[in-house]
Each structure stands twice: as structure tokens, then as C-alpha cells.
């Protein structure tokens, strides 16, 4: 048994957010392409089960094309964790999961995943998350930080469309 596996085994998982376990969602914010002149709209609501429901319409007008929700928090040490595990139910569309090690960084580390219309647990190895800024991959190493300060979900598939993503919890393992 190697040391990093043993560390994770002893540590279990690091809960980043469990929507149904708390009523304080004040750290979550909607950020759409309107920050750049676009016309997309979205909102984050709670359903009867207590889960987050991220819904809206992506518009390509005025060079727009994305909607997102973000959660910023005090730095969390993530040494020993090697994957993000997200329990969610999507609408069959693709979404991006994004991390930032430092809020001052312009780049985010991203991974695109496809939902299947059913409840699923998306597992994303942190080491495959690539640096990106404004939709462009950057020539720098994949994610390898020892802390994070932001998680974000983004939809922007290059077409005008409505979307619905229900999220239960986000954790690292």
C-alpha cells in the first residue's frame, strides 16, 4: 500500500459542499456571459429534496455563450486527494467542472463531463484537469496544486440552448 493511498484511506473524503445538508448557500454566485456583454441567463434554486438546481438559457447574442455558478471559499488544503466526486443529475448535455487554486489566478483548471439524464457520480481525476482562460487551453501543466479556493460549473456548448443541472454534493477523495 503506497503512502498517498494510505493517506486518503485514513482521511476519507473532503466535503466541499453538500447542498441538502445546509441552508446557507451564500457563497454561491451566478456568473453569466453578461459580464462580457452576452445575453445568457441562469439561476440557482433549491428543490424539495434540498438539492441545487442550476437552470437557464445560454444565448449566443452579443458574442455570449455561457452560464455558470461558482463557490469561493477560504483556502482548503487538498494534499492526498486525487479526484473530485460530484453527485448530480443532468439533462444529457455537457458541462464543465472548474477549480481554482488561487482566486487571483486568471486561469481555471477544467474538465468537461457529459450527463446522462439520471443520477450519477462524476469522478474527475484532478491530474487531468487542464489550465484554461476564456475558453483557450494554456500551455502549462495540468492541475497539481495543494489547495483550492473555488469550484464552478459552467455550460457553454457553442449553441443557444436551455439547460438543467441538479447537484447534490461535491467532494474530493
N, C-alpha and C. Protein backbone atom coordinates (compact mmCIF):
# COMPACT_ATOMS: atom_id res chain seq x y z
N UNK A 1 0.86 -1.18 0.00
CA UNK A 1 0.00 0.00 0.00
C UNK A 1 0.90 1.24 0.00
N UNK A 2 0.72 2.13 -1.00
CA UNK A 2 1.58 3.31 -1.03
C UNK A 2 1.09 4.39 -0.07
N UNK A 3 1.96 5.35 0.22
CA UNK A 3 1.68 6.36 1.25
C UNK A 3 0.50 7.24 0.89
N UNK A 4 0.36 7.66 -0.41
CA UNK A 4 -0.75 8.54 -0.77
C UNK A 4 -2.10 7.81 -0.67
N UNK A 5 -2.12 6.52 -1.04
CA UNK A 5 -3.36 5.76 -0.89
C UNK A 5 -3.74 5.62 0.57
N UNK A 6 -2.75 5.36 1.42
CA UNK A 6 -2.99 5.22 2.85
C UNK A 6 -3.50 6.54 3.44
N UNK A 7 -2.94 7.66 2.99
CA UNK A 7 -3.38 8.97 3.47
C UNK A 7 -4.86 9.19 3.15
N UNK A 8 -5.25 8.92 1.90
CA UNK A 8 -6.66 9.09 1.50
C UNK A 8 -7.55 8.12 2.26
N UNK A 9 -7.10 6.89 2.44
CA UNK A 9 -7.88 5.90 3.17
C UNK A 9 -8.15 6.38 4.59
N UNK A 10 -7.14 6.93 5.23
CA UNK A 10 -7.30 7.43 6.59
C UNK A 10 -8.11 8.72 6.65
N UNK A 11 -7.96 9.56 5.63
CA UNK A 11 -8.64 10.86 5.62
C UNK A 11 -10.08 10.75 5.14
N UNK A 12 -10.41 9.73 4.36
CA UNK A 12 -11.74 9.64 3.79
C UNK A 12 -11.90 10.65 2.68
N UNK A 13 -12.99 11.38 2.71
CA UNK A 13 -13.22 12.37 1.66
C UNK A 13 -13.28 13.77 2.27
N UNK A 14 -13.04 14.75 1.43
CA UNK A 14 -13.11 16.15 1.83
C UNK A 14 -14.38 16.73 1.20
N UNK A 15 -15.37 16.99 2.03
CA UNK A 15 -16.63 17.54 1.53
C UNK A 15 -16.42 19.01 1.22
N UNK A 16 -16.67 19.38 -0.03
CA UNK A 16 -16.57 20.78 -0.43
C UNK A 16 -17.92 21.48 -0.27
N UNK A 17 -19.01 20.77 -0.63
CA UNK A 17 -20.34 21.33 -0.42
C UNK A 17 -21.39 20.24 -0.55
N UNK A 18 -22.33 20.22 0.40
CA UNK A 18 -23.48 19.32 0.37
C UNK A 18 -24.71 20.21 0.42
N UNK A 19 -25.37 20.37 -0.71
CA UNK A 19 -26.48 21.31 -0.82
C UNK A 19 -27.64 20.98 0.11
N UNK A 20 -27.96 19.69 0.26
CA UNK A 20 -29.12 19.32 1.07
C UNK A 20 -28.82 19.35 2.57
N UNK A 21 -27.53 19.47 2.94
CA UNK A 21 -27.17 19.45 4.36
C UNK A 21 -27.11 20.84 4.99
N UNK A 22 -27.23 21.90 4.17
CA UNK A 22 -27.16 23.24 4.71
C UNK A 22 -28.13 24.17 3.97
N UNK A 23 -28.62 25.15 4.68
CA UNK A 23 -29.48 26.15 4.03
C UNK A 23 -28.68 27.40 3.69
N UNK A 24 -27.39 27.44 4.07
CA UNK A 24 -26.56 28.60 3.79
C UNK A 24 -25.81 28.38 2.47
N UNK A 25 -26.36 28.94 1.42
CA UNK A 25 -25.73 28.86 0.10
C UNK A 25 -25.13 30.21 -0.27
N UNK A 26 -24.88 31.05 0.71
CA UNK A 26 -24.47 32.44 0.45
C UNK A 26 -23.16 32.54 -0.32
N UNK A 27 -22.33 31.51 -0.30
CA UNK A 27 -21.07 31.55 -1.04
C UNK A 27 -21.22 31.29 -2.53
N UNK A 28 -22.40 30.83 -2.94
CA UNK A 28 -22.63 30.51 -4.35
C UNK A 28 -23.13 31.75 -5.10
N UNK A 29 -22.59 31.96 -6.29
CA UNK A 29 -22.99 33.09 -7.12
C UNK A 29 -23.17 32.63 -8.56
N UNK A 30 -24.12 33.27 -9.24
CA UNK A 30 -24.31 33.07 -10.67
C UNK A 30 -23.40 34.05 -11.40
N UNK A 31 -22.71 33.57 -12.42
CA UNK A 31 -21.93 34.46 -13.28
C UNK A 31 -22.11 33.99 -14.72
N UNK A 32 -22.76 34.83 -15.51
CA UNK A 32 -23.05 34.51 -16.90
C UNK A 32 -22.24 35.39 -17.83
N UNK A 33 -22.40 35.16 -19.11
CA UNK A 33 -21.68 35.93 -20.12
C UNK A 33 -22.05 37.41 -20.15
N UNK A 34 -23.03 37.83 -19.36
CA UNK A 34 -23.38 39.26 -19.31
C UNK A 34 -22.19 40.09 -18.82
N UNK A 35 -21.24 39.47 -18.11
CA UNK A 35 -20.05 40.19 -17.67
C UNK A 35 -19.21 40.63 -18.86
N UNK A 36 -19.48 40.03 -20.04
CA UNK A 36 -18.76 40.38 -21.26
C UNK A 36 -19.72 40.90 -22.33
N UNK A 37 -20.95 41.27 -21.94
CA UNK A 37 -21.91 41.80 -22.89
C UNK A 37 -22.89 40.79 -23.45
N UNK A 38 -22.78 39.52 -23.05
CA UNK A 38 -23.68 38.48 -23.56
C UNK A 38 -25.08 38.59 -22.98
N UNK A 39 -25.95 37.69 -23.41
CA UNK A 39 -27.37 37.73 -23.02
C UNK A 39 -27.87 36.45 -22.34
N UNK A 40 -26.98 35.56 -21.93
CA UNK A 40 -27.41 34.32 -21.28
C UNK A 40 -27.97 34.63 -19.90
N UNK A 41 -28.86 33.77 -19.42
CA UNK A 41 -29.45 33.95 -18.09
C UNK A 41 -29.52 32.61 -17.39
N UNK A 42 -29.36 32.66 -16.06
CA UNK A 42 -29.46 31.43 -15.28
C UNK A 42 -29.78 31.77 -13.84
N UNK A 43 -30.14 30.73 -13.09
CA UNK A 43 -30.42 30.90 -11.67
C UNK A 43 -30.10 29.61 -10.94
N UNK A 44 -29.93 29.75 -9.63
CA UNK A 44 -29.66 28.61 -8.76
C UNK A 44 -30.78 28.58 -7.74
N UNK A 45 -31.53 27.47 -7.71
CA UNK A 45 -32.65 27.33 -6.78
C UNK A 45 -32.51 26.01 -6.02
N UNK A 46 -33.32 25.88 -4.98
CA UNK A 46 -33.36 24.65 -4.17
C UNK A 46 -34.65 23.90 -4.51
N UNK A 47 -34.54 22.59 -4.73
CA UNK A 47 -35.75 21.80 -4.96
C UNK A 47 -36.23 21.18 -3.64
N UNK A 48 -37.31 20.42 -3.70
CA UNK A 48 -37.91 19.84 -2.48
C UNK A 48 -36.96 18.90 -1.75
N UNK A 49 -36.04 18.26 -2.47
CA UNK A 49 -35.07 17.35 -1.85
C UNK A 49 -33.91 18.10 -1.21
N UNK A 50 -33.85 19.42 -1.43
CA UNK A 50 -32.78 20.23 -0.88
C UNK A 50 -31.59 20.39 -1.80
N UNK A 51 -31.66 19.80 -2.99
CA UNK A 51 -30.55 19.88 -3.92
C UNK A 51 -30.55 21.21 -4.68
N UNK A 52 -29.39 21.58 -5.18
CA UNK A 52 -29.26 22.77 -6.02
C UNK A 52 -29.77 22.44 -7.41
N UNK A 53 -30.48 23.37 -8.01
CA UNK A 53 -30.92 23.22 -9.39
C UNK A 53 -30.44 24.45 -10.15
N UNK A 54 -29.50 24.23 -11.05
CA UNK A 54 -28.90 25.28 -11.88
C UNK A 54 -29.59 25.20 -13.24
N UNK A 55 -30.38 26.24 -13.56
CA UNK A 55 -31.15 26.24 -14.81
C UNK A 55 -30.96 27.57 -15.52
N UNK A 56 -31.27 27.55 -16.81
CA UNK A 56 -31.22 28.80 -17.55
C UNK A 56 -31.20 28.59 -19.04
N UNK A 57 -30.84 29.68 -19.71
CA UNK A 57 -30.78 29.70 -21.17
C UNK A 57 -29.45 30.32 -21.60
N UNK A 58 -28.72 29.58 -22.42
CA UNK A 58 -27.48 30.10 -22.99
C UNK A 58 -27.83 30.77 -24.31
N UNK A 59 -27.37 31.99 -24.47
CA UNK A 59 -27.59 32.78 -25.69
C UNK A 59 -26.25 33.06 -26.35
N UNK A 60 -26.25 33.07 -27.67
CA UNK A 60 -25.04 33.41 -28.41
C UNK A 60 -25.03 34.88 -28.83
N UNK A 61 -26.08 35.62 -28.50
CA UNK A 61 -26.18 37.03 -28.86
C UNK A 61 -25.05 37.83 -28.20
N UNK A 62 -24.59 38.86 -28.89
CA UNK A 62 -23.54 39.76 -28.39
C UNK A 62 -22.26 39.01 -28.01
N UNK A 63 -21.93 37.97 -28.77
CA UNK A 63 -20.72 37.15 -28.52
C UNK A 63 -20.77 36.44 -27.17
N UNK A 64 -21.97 36.13 -26.70
CA UNK A 64 -22.14 35.40 -25.45
C UNK A 64 -21.99 33.91 -25.69
N UNK A 65 -22.41 33.14 -24.69
CA UNK A 65 -22.37 31.70 -24.89
C UNK A 65 -22.09 30.86 -23.67
N UNK A 66 -22.22 31.44 -22.44
CA UNK A 66 -22.02 30.59 -21.27
C UNK A 66 -22.84 31.09 -20.09
N UNK A 67 -23.10 30.16 -19.18
CA UNK A 67 -23.71 30.44 -17.89
C UNK A 67 -22.94 29.62 -16.87
N UNK A 68 -22.79 30.16 -15.65
CA UNK A 68 -22.03 29.42 -14.64
C UNK A 68 -22.48 29.78 -13.23
N UNK A 69 -22.16 28.87 -12.32
CA UNK A 69 -22.29 29.12 -10.89
C UNK A 69 -20.94 28.84 -10.26
N UNK A 70 -20.59 29.65 -9.26
CA UNK A 70 -19.29 29.49 -8.62
C UNK A 70 -19.44 29.56 -7.11
N UNK A 71 -18.51 28.89 -6.45
CA UNK A 71 -18.45 28.88 -4.99
C UNK A 71 -17.03 29.18 -4.60
N UNK A 72 -16.82 30.31 -3.94
CA UNK A 72 -15.50 30.71 -3.47
C UNK A 72 -15.44 30.56 -1.96
N UNK A 73 -14.29 30.13 -1.45
CA UNK A 73 -14.16 29.83 -0.03
C UNK A 73 -12.72 30.04 0.42
N UNK A 74 -12.52 30.06 1.73
CA UNK A 74 -11.17 30.15 2.28
C UNK A 74 -10.36 28.95 1.77
N UNK A 75 -9.06 29.12 1.59
CA UNK A 75 -8.24 28.03 1.05
C UNK A 75 -8.43 26.72 1.81
N UNK A 76 -8.60 25.65 1.05
CA UNK A 76 -8.71 24.31 1.64
C UNK A 76 -7.55 23.46 1.16
N UNK A 77 -6.83 22.89 2.10
CA UNK A 77 -5.71 22.00 1.77
C UNK A 77 -6.25 20.73 1.15
N UNK A 78 -5.66 20.32 0.04
CA UNK A 78 -6.18 19.14 -0.67
C UNK A 78 -5.11 18.08 -0.89
N UNK A 79 -3.97 18.19 -0.23
CA UNK A 79 -2.92 17.18 -0.38
C UNK A 79 -3.49 15.82 0.01
N UNK A 80 -3.18 14.82 -0.79
CA UNK A 80 -3.67 13.47 -0.52
C UNK A 80 -4.97 13.13 -1.22
N UNK A 81 -5.63 14.11 -1.80
CA UNK A 81 -6.86 13.86 -2.56
C UNK A 81 -6.52 13.92 -4.04
N UNK A 82 -7.05 12.98 -4.81
CA UNK A 82 -6.67 12.97 -6.22
C UNK A 82 -7.83 13.00 -7.20
N UNK A 83 -9.07 13.06 -6.69
CA UNK A 83 -10.19 13.16 -7.64
C UNK A 83 -11.37 13.90 -7.01
N UNK A 84 -12.11 14.57 -7.88
CA UNK A 84 -13.36 15.21 -7.48
C UNK A 84 -14.49 14.22 -7.75
N UNK A 85 -15.42 14.12 -6.83
CA UNK A 85 -16.59 13.26 -6.97
C UNK A 85 -17.83 14.13 -6.80
N UNK A 86 -18.66 14.18 -7.82
CA UNK A 86 -19.82 15.06 -7.82
C UNK A 86 -21.06 14.23 -8.09
N UNK A 87 -21.99 14.26 -7.14
CA UNK A 87 -23.26 13.57 -7.34
C UNK A 87 -24.24 14.57 -7.95
N UNK A 88 -24.75 14.22 -9.13
CA UNK A 88 -25.61 15.15 -9.86
C UNK A 88 -26.54 14.42 -10.82
N UNK A 89 -27.49 15.18 -11.32
CA UNK A 89 -28.42 14.69 -12.34
C UNK A 89 -28.54 15.78 -13.39
N UNK A 90 -28.10 15.46 -14.59
CA UNK A 90 -28.13 16.44 -15.66
C UNK A 90 -29.23 16.17 -16.66
N UNK A 91 -29.14 16.85 -17.77
CA UNK A 91 -30.16 16.80 -18.82
C UNK A 91 -29.62 16.20 -20.10
N UNK A 92 -28.50 15.49 -20.02
CA UNK A 92 -27.89 14.89 -21.20
C UNK A 92 -26.88 15.79 -21.89
N UNK A 93 -26.71 17.00 -21.39
CA UNK A 93 -25.77 17.94 -22.01
C UNK A 93 -24.40 17.84 -21.34
N UNK A 94 -23.42 18.51 -21.98
CA UNK A 94 -22.08 18.58 -21.41
C UNK A 94 -21.95 19.82 -20.54
N UNK A 95 -21.18 19.67 -19.46
CA UNK A 95 -20.88 20.75 -18.53
C UNK A 95 -19.40 20.72 -18.23
N UNK A 96 -18.90 21.83 -17.72
CA UNK A 96 -17.53 21.88 -17.25
C UNK A 96 -17.53 21.99 -15.73
N UNK A 97 -16.61 21.26 -15.11
CA UNK A 97 -16.31 21.44 -13.70
C UNK A 97 -14.97 22.16 -13.69
N UNK A 98 -14.88 23.21 -12.88
CA UNK A 98 -13.68 24.05 -12.85
C UNK A 98 -13.19 24.23 -11.42
N UNK A 99 -11.88 24.30 -11.28
CA UNK A 99 -11.23 24.56 -9.99
C UNK A 99 -10.28 25.73 -10.14
N UNK A 100 -10.12 26.46 -9.06
CA UNK A 100 -9.06 27.46 -8.97
C UNK A 100 -8.32 27.22 -7.67
N UNK A 101 -7.00 27.16 -7.77
CA UNK A 101 -6.18 27.01 -6.58
C UNK A 101 -6.09 28.35 -5.84
N UNK A 102 -6.13 29.44 -6.59
CA UNK A 102 -5.98 30.77 -6.03
C UNK A 102 -6.95 31.70 -6.75
N UNK A 103 -7.76 32.43 -6.00
CA UNK A 103 -8.74 33.32 -6.61
C UNK A 103 -8.10 34.39 -7.49
N UNK A 104 -6.84 34.72 -7.22
CA UNK A 104 -6.15 35.75 -8.01
C UNK A 104 -5.72 35.23 -9.38
N UNK A 105 -5.68 33.92 -9.55
CA UNK A 105 -5.30 33.33 -10.84
C UNK A 105 -6.37 33.64 -11.88
N UNK A 106 -5.94 33.98 -13.07
CA UNK A 106 -6.90 34.21 -14.16
C UNK A 106 -7.37 32.88 -14.73
N UNK A 107 -6.49 31.92 -14.79
CA UNK A 107 -6.82 30.62 -15.36
C UNK A 107 -7.60 29.75 -14.38
N UNK A 108 -8.45 28.91 -14.93
CA UNK A 108 -9.14 27.86 -14.18
C UNK A 108 -8.65 26.53 -14.72
N UNK A 109 -8.78 25.50 -13.90
CA UNK A 109 -8.50 24.15 -14.36
C UNK A 109 -9.83 23.49 -14.63
N UNK A 110 -9.98 22.95 -15.84
CA UNK A 110 -11.30 22.49 -16.27
C UNK A 110 -11.30 21.03 -16.71
N UNK A 111 -12.49 20.45 -16.60
CA UNK A 111 -12.76 19.13 -17.18
C UNK A 111 -14.22 19.13 -17.61
N UNK A 112 -14.45 18.70 -18.84
CA UNK A 112 -15.80 18.62 -19.39
C UNK A 112 -16.34 17.22 -19.16
N UNK A 113 -17.59 17.14 -18.71
CA UNK A 113 -18.24 15.85 -18.50
C UNK A 113 -19.62 15.88 -19.13
N UNK A 114 -20.12 14.70 -19.50
CA UNK A 114 -21.44 14.58 -20.10
C UNK A 114 -22.40 13.96 -19.11
N UNK A 115 -23.57 14.56 -18.99
CA UNK A 115 -24.59 13.99 -18.11
C UNK A 115 -25.45 13.03 -18.92
N UNK A 116 -26.18 12.14 -18.21
CA UNK A 116 -26.96 11.11 -18.90
C UNK A 116 -28.46 11.16 -18.59
N UNK A 117 -28.92 12.19 -17.89
CA UNK A 117 -30.34 12.30 -17.57
C UNK A 117 -30.75 11.57 -16.30
N UNK A 118 -29.83 10.82 -15.72
CA UNK A 118 -30.08 10.07 -14.49
C UNK A 118 -29.14 10.57 -13.40
N UNK A 119 -29.40 10.14 -12.15
CA UNK A 119 -28.44 10.43 -11.08
C UNK A 119 -27.15 9.69 -11.38
N UNK A 120 -26.03 10.38 -11.24
CA UNK A 120 -24.74 9.76 -11.47
C UNK A 120 -23.70 10.44 -10.58
N UNK A 121 -22.62 9.73 -10.33
CA UNK A 121 -21.49 10.32 -9.62
C UNK A 121 -20.38 10.48 -10.64
N UNK A 122 -20.06 11.73 -10.92
CA UNK A 122 -18.99 12.05 -11.86
C UNK A 122 -17.68 12.02 -11.07
N UNK A 123 -16.71 11.26 -11.53
CA UNK A 123 -15.40 11.19 -10.89
C UNK A 123 -14.37 11.79 -11.84
N UNK A 124 -13.68 12.83 -11.38
CA UNK A 124 -12.73 13.54 -12.22
C UNK A 124 -11.35 13.51 -11.55
N UNK A 125 -10.40 12.78 -12.12
CA UNK A 125 -9.05 12.83 -11.58
C UNK A 125 -8.52 14.26 -11.69
N UNK A 126 -8.03 14.81 -10.59
CA UNK A 126 -7.54 16.19 -10.60
C UNK A 126 -6.39 16.36 -11.58
N UNK A 127 -5.60 15.32 -11.75
CA UNK A 127 -4.42 15.40 -12.61
C UNK A 127 -4.75 15.56 -14.09
N UNK A 128 -5.99 15.33 -14.50
CA UNK A 128 -6.34 15.50 -15.92
C UNK A 128 -6.98 16.87 -16.19
N UNK A 129 -7.17 17.67 -15.14
CA UNK A 129 -7.79 18.99 -15.33
C UNK A 129 -6.77 19.94 -15.94
N UNK A 130 -7.17 20.57 -17.05
CA UNK A 130 -6.27 21.40 -17.83
C UNK A 130 -6.50 22.88 -17.59
N UNK A 131 -5.42 23.64 -17.62
CA UNK A 131 -5.50 25.10 -17.44
C UNK A 131 -6.15 25.72 -18.67
N UNK A 132 -7.08 26.66 -18.39
CA UNK A 132 -7.80 27.32 -19.47
C UNK A 132 -8.13 28.75 -19.05
N UNK A 133 -8.15 29.64 -20.03
CA UNK A 133 -8.55 31.02 -19.80
C UNK A 133 -9.38 31.47 -20.99
N UNK A 134 -10.62 31.91 -20.71
CA UNK A 134 -11.55 32.36 -21.75
C UNK A 134 -11.70 31.35 -22.87
N UNK A 135 -11.80 30.09 -22.49
CA UNK A 135 -12.04 29.04 -23.46
C UNK A 135 -10.82 28.53 -24.20
N UNK A 136 -9.65 29.03 -23.88
CA UNK A 136 -8.42 28.61 -24.55
C UNK A 136 -7.53 27.84 -23.59
N UNK A 137 -7.09 26.65 -24.06
CA UNK A 137 -6.17 25.85 -23.25
C UNK A 137 -4.84 26.57 -23.16
N UNK A 138 -4.26 26.58 -21.98
CA UNK A 138 -2.99 27.25 -21.75
C UNK A 138 -1.84 26.24 -21.73
N UNK A 139 -0.66 26.66 -22.21
CA UNK A 139 0.49 25.75 -22.22
C UNK A 139 1.17 25.68 -20.86
N UNK A 140 0.50 25.09 -19.92
CA UNK A 140 1.08 24.90 -18.59
C UNK A 140 0.63 23.54 -18.06
N UNK A 141 1.29 23.05 -17.02
CA UNK A 141 0.97 21.71 -16.51
C UNK A 141 -0.48 21.59 -16.03
N UNK A 142 -0.97 20.35 -16.05
CA UNK A 142 -2.30 20.08 -15.51
C UNK A 142 -2.33 20.40 -14.01
N UNK A 143 -3.52 20.38 -13.44
CA UNK A 143 -3.71 20.75 -12.04
C UNK A 143 -2.81 19.92 -11.13
N UNK A 144 -2.10 20.59 -10.24
CA UNK A 144 -1.25 19.89 -9.27
C UNK A 144 -1.10 20.70 -7.99
N UNK A 145 -2.06 21.55 -7.68
CA UNK A 145 -1.98 22.42 -6.51
C UNK A 145 -2.24 21.66 -5.22
N UNK A 146 -1.87 22.29 -4.11
CA UNK A 146 -2.07 21.69 -2.79
C UNK A 146 -3.23 22.34 -2.04
N UNK A 147 -3.90 23.30 -2.70
CA UNK A 147 -5.07 23.94 -2.10
C UNK A 147 -6.01 24.39 -3.21
N UNK A 148 -7.26 24.65 -2.85
CA UNK A 148 -8.22 25.23 -3.79
C UNK A 148 -9.02 26.31 -3.07
N UNK A 149 -9.54 27.25 -3.85
CA UNK A 149 -10.34 28.35 -3.31
C UNK A 149 -11.63 28.57 -4.09
N UNK A 150 -11.84 27.81 -5.18
CA UNK A 150 -13.07 27.99 -5.96
C UNK A 150 -13.41 26.73 -6.73
N UNK A 151 -14.72 26.44 -6.77
CA UNK A 151 -15.25 25.44 -7.69
C UNK A 151 -16.34 26.13 -8.50
N UNK A 152 -16.53 25.66 -9.72
CA UNK A 152 -17.50 26.28 -10.62
C UNK A 152 -18.05 25.23 -11.57
N UNK A 153 -19.31 25.40 -11.93
CA UNK A 153 -19.93 24.63 -13.00
C UNK A 153 -20.26 25.60 -14.11
N UNK A 154 -19.96 25.23 -15.35
CA UNK A 154 -20.19 26.10 -16.49
C UNK A 154 -20.80 25.30 -17.61
N UNK A 155 -21.78 25.91 -18.28
CA UNK A 155 -22.34 25.33 -19.51
C UNK A 155 -22.08 26.34 -20.62
N UNK A 156 -21.53 25.85 -21.70
CA UNK A 156 -21.20 26.69 -22.85
C UNK A 156 -20.80 25.80 -24.00
N UNK A 157 -21.77 25.23 -24.67
CA UNK A 157 -21.53 24.22 -25.69
C UNK A 157 -21.50 24.78 -27.11
N UNK A 158 -21.36 26.10 -27.25
CA UNK A 158 -21.27 26.70 -28.57
C UNK A 158 -22.59 26.83 -29.30
N UNK A 159 -23.71 26.68 -28.56
CA UNK A 159 -25.02 26.82 -29.19
C UNK A 159 -26.01 27.39 -28.18
N UNK A 160 -27.04 28.02 -28.72
CA UNK A 160 -28.11 28.54 -27.86
C UNK A 160 -28.92 27.34 -27.39
N UNK A 161 -29.11 27.24 -26.07
CA UNK A 161 -29.85 26.10 -25.52
C UNK A 161 -30.26 26.40 -24.08
N UNK A 162 -31.32 25.70 -23.66
CA UNK A 162 -31.66 25.77 -22.24
C UNK A 162 -31.00 24.58 -21.56
N UNK A 163 -30.91 24.65 -20.23
CA UNK A 163 -30.21 23.60 -19.50
C UNK A 163 -30.78 23.46 -18.10
N UNK A 164 -30.49 22.28 -17.51
CA UNK A 164 -30.89 21.99 -16.13
C UNK A 164 -29.90 21.00 -15.54
N UNK A 165 -29.25 21.41 -14.46
CA UNK A 165 -28.30 20.55 -13.76
C UNK A 165 -28.65 20.56 -12.28
N UNK A 166 -28.96 19.39 -11.74
CA UNK A 166 -29.27 19.25 -10.31
C UNK A 166 -28.04 18.68 -9.61
N UNK A 167 -27.61 19.33 -8.53
CA UNK A 167 -26.38 18.94 -7.84
C UNK A 167 -26.69 18.62 -6.39
N UNK A 168 -26.23 17.45 -5.93
CA UNK A 168 -26.41 17.02 -4.55
C UNK A 168 -25.20 17.42 -3.71
N UNK A 169 -24.00 16.95 -4.09
CA UNK A 169 -22.80 17.26 -3.30
C UNK A 169 -21.54 17.18 -4.15
N UNK A 170 -20.51 17.85 -3.62
CA UNK A 170 -19.20 17.91 -4.26
C UNK A 170 -18.16 17.56 -3.20
N UNK A 171 -17.31 16.58 -3.49
CA UNK A 171 -16.28 16.20 -2.54
C UNK A 171 -15.02 15.77 -3.27
N UNK A 172 -13.94 15.74 -2.53
CA UNK A 172 -12.69 15.22 -3.06
C UNK A 172 -12.38 13.91 -2.34
N UNK A 173 -11.79 12.99 -3.08
CA UNK A 173 -11.38 11.70 -2.50
C UNK A 173 -9.94 11.44 -2.87
